[in-house]
């Protein structure tokens, strides 16, 4: 009896110890998980705040640019439109960046022609059947009421044509024009205005995103300010997008740390245009080449189908890969716990392309990891269901039908029936999976694909908002040389207008490609002089030198990518800045007018209210902690076994 009691006691103690051990393991696993899950961030991996919580070198503000402030108000000589020459309606094709740029150009054109602008039609939403009836065309992305009210002193804007003119438009009684890329003001005054005056209504079809020249004559400076008022004030995203974007920004900063936004720029059309197919593998190369072949047939690309992608990359014509961006951020000194927000609705190559970057920075997140599915579906709104184009299985047969078929099957013995066909899964018929393995030509877009294109506009708009509000921004592909506005350049231009002293990197991809070519065999263990060279280049790209060099490429393509000096002012006590001009004598930096007195007073009050002890500026020297890291890397390289193990672990091809 005593022996049984001792055995029961030992069993009970063993069970209790096992449960205690399980709880300890669960606690340790939860403690060490760290990072961001769903829509909240774990605070366990937050580095303790020392005397330098926000190094100016990493998070700004930059002292050389803090004298600039956004100012796009019209001058005193800016008069209201004097006459009404007719109505302009417009159809806009393309993605978010082309829509944003086209609307700004259309408002300037309407002002130039003294015409009333009808709210532009976004074709990516009108072609998508069954999207939410609450948001239609323009209102799918933007706040219509605010757009009309904000520009009431600049251009007359209406929601639609009058009823009689609307009926005449349906009968195609009005002329339409499709201006070429970067059309001049003279084209509109000589070609479009006479037709507008004659017919009272004219349609403009915009395909490339640039229906008005970026650089205008000096006498049209007010039109440049008008573009800024449209892009940065009148084009306000609809309240639902702004609300969710603000929630995402709040969740990213919930831990008390700043965050960096990164747009990879890995888009299929961009990669096909520049001939970067060989940088990818297998099926992705075929997809890029297929799209490039389509561009050659349309006349968009004037080159051969097959080009040397490596030489294109060395010339800076291909995007930086996520792995390269991670190594550059490490060279800058960003810690592994840095929060990085991945912007953009498309990353060609999928999550596989992001594996090396996520291995270096575990807190790599996007809207799907910060928002619930319900929040994203609420943003889309209620939609009508679409009929699926997947093959349907045959209807089940009753027992009576099976018996009748058995009787009609003929004499026995009969051969065994063929095995049932392999079922088709949904992912095998969606997107390029459904045709690349069977057909040589890409089929026309299905209704589901049109709806996805409309959804991508929402995701791009949402990520645009979060990227503009970020503490730092790093582009994977900007100033691509295609002559069209690109997503990263629009974000960089908005940040240059709204917060010019914020950290916005503008890397020269040609220089970066040469840097990586020097360490192609040991990227993860570069020498110290390589780290210093990469850091110096990126720090210069975030300052005045980077703004000027980027402006020489972006300004002729898109004014919104570099809205200086027309849309900024400087404080009277700011240090003297030497104006920088382009080869044709245009100002690229400097020469901004002084801010008005009321603005100077409000800036002084805001500065006094938010005065905080400034962190040291580490712009021109390496911090001590990075130096110790480099020393540690050198000691690691001396240990051959440890180095090889680390190389195997970080190899992106595994």
Foldseek 3Di string as FASTA:
>chain_A
DVVVVVVVVVVVVVVVVVVVVVVVVVVVCVLPPFFFFFAAGDLNPPDDDDPCQDFCLHQDQFQQQQQKAFFLDFDPPDAAQDDEQAEEEEEEEDFQLLVLLQVLVVLLLCLLLVYEYAPYFYVLQVLQPFFAPVAHGLLLWFDVVLLQVLCVRRHHYDNDDPPVVVVVVVVVPAEEDEADAADESVCCVPPVNVSCNVVRYYYYYYYQSHRHFLDHDPVVLSSLSSSCCCNQPSGHTPPLLVVLLVSSLCNLCVSVHFAEEEEQPQDLLLCLQLQQLVVDDDPSSLSSLQNVVVCVVVVLHVDDSHDDNLVSLLQQLDFDQLLLVLLLVVLLPDQLAHAYEYAAPDHPPPCLSCVLNCVSRVNYYYSRRNHDPVSLVVSRPDTDDDDDPADDDDDDDDPVVVVVCVVVVDDDDDDDDDDDDDHDDPVCCPDPNVPPVPDPHDDDDDSVNSVVSSSSNSRNSSRLSNNLPGSEYEYRDALSVSLGHDSLLLSQLNNCNHPVSGFYWQARSNVSSVLCVVCVPPSPQDAPVSSVVSNLRRLCLRDPNVQQVVCVRCSRRHCSSQVPDSRMAGAPPRDDDDFDADPVGHTRDDPHHHDDPVVNVVVVVVCVVPPDDDDDHCSPHDDPVVVVVSVVSVVQVVVPVSVVVVCVVSPSVD
